Amino acid sequence: MTIEYKDFSNVDIRVGTVTRSEIYAEARHPALKLWIDFGPDMGEKKTSAQIAKHYTPEQMIGRQVAAVVNFAPKQIGKFMSEVLVVGFPDAENEVVLLQPSLPVPNGGRLY
């Protein structure tokens, strides 16, 4: 399916740095809770992500990640998710996070 540039520009994907991470023990599938700093304009947002196969909470602290920031908040069990981190599936369909190859300012928009 072909889309117009306007369709792409409606999805707001920003970079942020994980400031806090913990195992989401109540999740149905192995997941982590993440708190992500998107810079002074957007502040800190939280999310849960099914990334526990490849990442521990300790590995996530300080890591820059990309996330869709303009979805409506979504209740995930007892946790309110405000953004959606993005990644690609590995050979076993587990998430490998999308992240910049060099440090960039938090809050930068994907283009």
C-alpha atoms as a PDB file:
ATOM      1  CA  MET A   1       0.000   0.000   0.000  1.00  0.00           C
ATOM      2  CA  THR A   2       1.305   3.438  -0.917  1.00  0.00           C
ATOM      3  CA  ILE A   3       0.790   6.304   1.536  1.00  0.00           C
ATOM      4  CA  GLU A   4       1.106  10.039   1.216  1.00  0.00           C
ATOM      5  CA  TYR A   5       3.798  11.982   3.081  1.00  0.00           C
ATOM      6  CA  LYS A   6       1.036  13.531   5.217  1.00  0.00           C
ATOM      7  CA  ASP A   7       0.180  10.041   6.524  1.00  0.00           C
ATOM      8  CA  PHE A   8       3.787   9.535   7.651  1.00  0.00           C
ATOM      9  CA  SER A   9       4.022  13.011   9.164  1.00  0.00           C
ATOM     10  CA  ASN A  10       0.974  12.295  11.359  1.00  0.00           C
ATOM     11  CA  VAL A  11       2.994   9.681  13.277  1.00  0.00           C
ATOM     12  CA  ASP A  12       5.181  11.539  15.782  1.00  0.00           C
ATOM     13  CA  ILE A  13       8.256   9.393  16.534  1.00  0.00           C
ATOM     14  CA  ARG A  14      10.729  10.943  18.974  1.00  0.00           C
ATOM     15  CA  VAL A  15      13.936   9.909  20.684  1.00  0.00           C
ATOM     16  CA  GLY A  16      14.283   9.776  24.440  1.00  0.00           C
ATOM     17  CA  THR A  17      16.581   8.394  27.101  1.00  0.00           C
ATOM     18  CA  VAL A  18      15.420   5.723  29.534  1.00  0.00           C
ATOM     19  CA  THR A  19      15.766   7.078  33.078  1.00  0.00           C
ATOM     20  CA  ARG A  20      14.137   4.219  34.969  1.00  0.00           C
ATOM     21  CA  SER A  21      13.291   0.609  34.153  1.00  0.00           C
ATOM     22  CA  GLU A  22      11.843  -2.322  36.037  1.00  0.00           C
ATOM     23  CA  ILE A  23      10.395  -5.750  35.336  1.00  0.00           C
ATOM     24  CA  TYR A  24       6.643  -5.670  34.766  1.00  0.00           C
ATOM     25  CA  ALA A  25       5.923  -8.772  36.840  1.00  0.00           C
ATOM     26  CA  GLU A  26       2.141  -8.637  36.300  1.00  0.00           C
ATOM     27  CA  ALA A  27       2.386  -8.631  32.485  1.00  0.00           C
ATOM     28  CA  ARG A  28       1.063 -11.633  30.544  1.00  0.00           C
ATOM     29  CA  HIS A  29       4.214 -11.720  28.392  1.00  0.00           C
ATOM     30  CA  PRO A  30       7.722 -10.856  29.660  1.00  0.00           C
ATOM     31  CA  ALA A  31       7.869  -7.057  29.693  1.00  0.00           C
ATOM     32  CA  LEU A  32       9.641  -4.075  31.194  1.00  0.00           C
ATOM     33  CA  LYS A  33       8.249  -0.806  32.472  1.00  0.00           C
ATOM     34  CA  LEU A  34      10.195   2.156  31.099  1.00  0.00           C
ATOM     35  CA  TRP A  35      10.290   5.833  32.045  1.00  0.00           C
ATOM     36  CA  ILE A  36      11.708   7.852  29.147  1.00  0.00           C
ATOM     37  CA  ASP A  37      12.955  11.459  29.140  1.00  0.00           C
ATOM     38  CA  PHE A  38      11.894  13.192  25.919  1.00  0.00           C
ATOM     39  CA  GLY A  39      13.515  16.518  26.788  1.00  0.00           C
ATOM     40  CA  PRO A  40      12.242  19.791  28.250  1.00  0.00           C
ATOM     41  CA  ASP A  41       9.297  20.275  25.878  1.00  0.00           C
ATOM     42  CA  MET A  42       7.733  16.837  26.386  1.00  0.00           C
ATOM     43  CA  GLY A  43       9.191  15.663  29.699  1.00  0.00           C
ATOM     44  CA  GLU A  44       9.145  12.119  30.991  1.00  0.00           C
ATOM     45  CA  LYS A  45       6.677   9.538  29.643  1.00  0.00           C
ATOM     46  CA  LYS A  46       6.175   5.928  30.671  1.00  0.00           C
ATOM     47  CA  THR A  47       5.455   2.740  28.786  1.00  0.00           C
ATOM     48  CA  SER A  48       5.526  -1.009  29.056  1.00  0.00           C
ATOM     49  CA  ALA A  49       7.324  -2.974  26.380  1.00  0.00           C
ATOM     50  CA  GLN A  50       7.636  -6.683  25.633  1.00  0.00           C
ATOM     51  CA  ILE A  51      11.417  -6.471  25.319  1.00  0.00           C
ATOM     52  CA  ALA A  52      12.541  -8.639  28.260  1.00  0.00           C
ATOM     53  CA  LYS A  53      13.924 -11.357  25.944  1.00  0.00           C
ATOM     54  CA  HIS A  54      16.851  -9.134  24.876  1.00  0.00           C
ATOM     55  CA  TYR A  55      17.012  -6.384  27.513  1.00  0.00           C
ATOM     56  CA  THR A  56      17.244  -6.232  31.309  1.00  0.00           C
ATOM     57  CA  PRO A  57      16.120  -3.233  33.352  1.00  0.00           C
ATOM     58  CA  GLU A  58      19.771  -2.400  34.065  1.00  0.00           C
ATOM     59  CA  GLN A  59      20.680  -2.445  30.349  1.00  0.00           C
ATOM     60  CA  MET A  60      17.896   0.015  29.570  1.00  0.00           C
ATOM     61  CA  ILE A  61      19.028   2.816  31.900  1.00  0.00           C
ATOM     62  CA  GLY A  62      20.671   5.549  29.816  1.00  0.00           C
ATOM     63  CA  ARG A  63      19.734   3.908  26.489  1.00  0.00           C
ATOM     64  CA  GLN A  64      18.197   6.120  23.844  1.00  0.00           C
ATOM     65  CA  VAL A  65      15.078   4.677  22.212  1.00  0.00           C
ATOM     66  CA  ALA A  66      12.587   5.743  19.567  1.00  0.00           C
ATOM     67  CA  ALA A  67       8.895   5.917  20.443  1.00  0.00           C
ATOM     68  CA  VAL A  68       5.581   6.997  18.968  1.00  0.00           C
ATOM     69  CA  VAL A  69       4.512   9.812  21.268  1.00  0.00           C
ATOM     70  CA  ASN A  70       1.148  10.846  19.834  1.00  0.00           C
ATOM     71  CA  PHE A  71      -0.946   7.748  20.558  1.00  0.00           C
ATOM     72  CA  ALA A  72      -3.617   8.114  23.220  1.00  0.00           C
ATOM     73  CA  PRO A  73      -2.530   6.639  26.581  1.00  0.00           C
ATOM     74  CA  LYS A  74      -3.397   2.950  26.919  1.00  0.00           C
ATOM     75  CA  GLN A  75      -4.030   0.941  30.054  1.00  0.00           C
ATOM     76  CA  ILE A  76      -1.795  -2.165  30.063  1.00  0.00           C
ATOM     77  CA  GLY A  77      -2.944  -4.182  33.059  1.00  0.00           C
ATOM     78  CA  LYS A  78      -2.396  -1.929  36.072  1.00  0.00           C
ATOM     79  CA  PHE A  79       0.045   0.318  34.197  1.00  0.00           C
ATOM     80  CA  MET A  80      -0.801   3.311  31.999  1.00  0.00           C
ATOM     81  CA  SER A  81       1.345   3.362  28.853  1.00  0.00           C
ATOM     82  CA  GLU A  82       1.829   6.836  27.352  1.00  0.00           C
ATOM     83  CA  VAL A  83       4.129   6.070  24.390  1.00  0.00           C
ATOM     84  CA  LEU A  84       5.008   3.100  22.169  1.00  0.00           C
ATOM     85  CA  VAL A  85       8.686   2.178  21.817  1.00  0.00           C
ATOM     86  CA  VAL A  86       9.488   0.810  18.365  1.00  0.00           C
ATOM     87  CA  GLY A  87      11.729  -1.947  17.115  1.00  0.00           C
ATOM     88  CA  PHE A  88      12.104  -4.754  14.618  1.00  0.00           C
ATOM     89  CA  PRO A  89      11.456  -8.481  15.063  1.00  0.00           C
ATOM     90  CA  ASP A  90      14.448 -10.799  15.255  1.00  0.00           C
ATOM     91  CA  ALA A  91      14.406 -14.306  13.743  1.00  0.00           C
ATOM     92  CA  GLU A  92      12.276 -15.504  16.690  1.00  0.00           C
ATOM     93  CA  ASN A  93       9.864 -12.533  16.479  1.00  0.00           C
ATOM     94  CA  GLU A  94      11.304 -10.893  19.619  1.00  0.00           C
ATOM     95  CA  VAL A  95      11.675  -7.105  19.646  1.00  0.00           C
ATOM     96  CA  VAL A  96      15.037  -5.496  18.881  1.00  0.00           C
ATOM     97  CA  LEU A  97      14.749  -1.799  19.712  1.00  0.00           C
ATOM     98  CA  LEU A  98      15.235   0.965  17.176  1.00  0.00           C
ATOM     99  CA  GLN A  99      17.743   3.516  18.443  1.00  0.00           C
ATOM    100  CA  PRO A 100      20.087   6.158  17.045  1.00  0.00           C
ATOM    101  CA  SER A 101      23.621   5.007  16.214  1.00  0.00           C
ATOM    102  CA  LEU A 102      25.047   8.188  17.809  1.00  0.00           C
ATOM    103  CA  PRO A 103      23.794  10.236  20.792  1.00  0.00           C
ATOM    104  CA  VAL A 104      21.169  12.838  19.835  1.00  0.00           C
ATOM    105  CA  PRO A 105      19.212  15.401  21.875  1.00  0.00           C
ATOM    106  CA  ASN A 106      16.164  13.995  23.656  1.00  0.00           C
ATOM    107  CA  GLY A 107      12.907  14.959  21.975  1.00  0.00           C
ATOM    108  CA  GLY A 108      14.279  14.928  18.425  1.00  0.00           C
ATOM    109  CA  ARG A 109      11.671  13.943  15.851  1.00  0.00           C
ATOM    110  CA  LEU A 110      12.238  11.187  13.291  1.00  0.00           C
ATOM    111  CA  TYR A 111      12.369  12.409   9.704  1.00  0.00           C
END
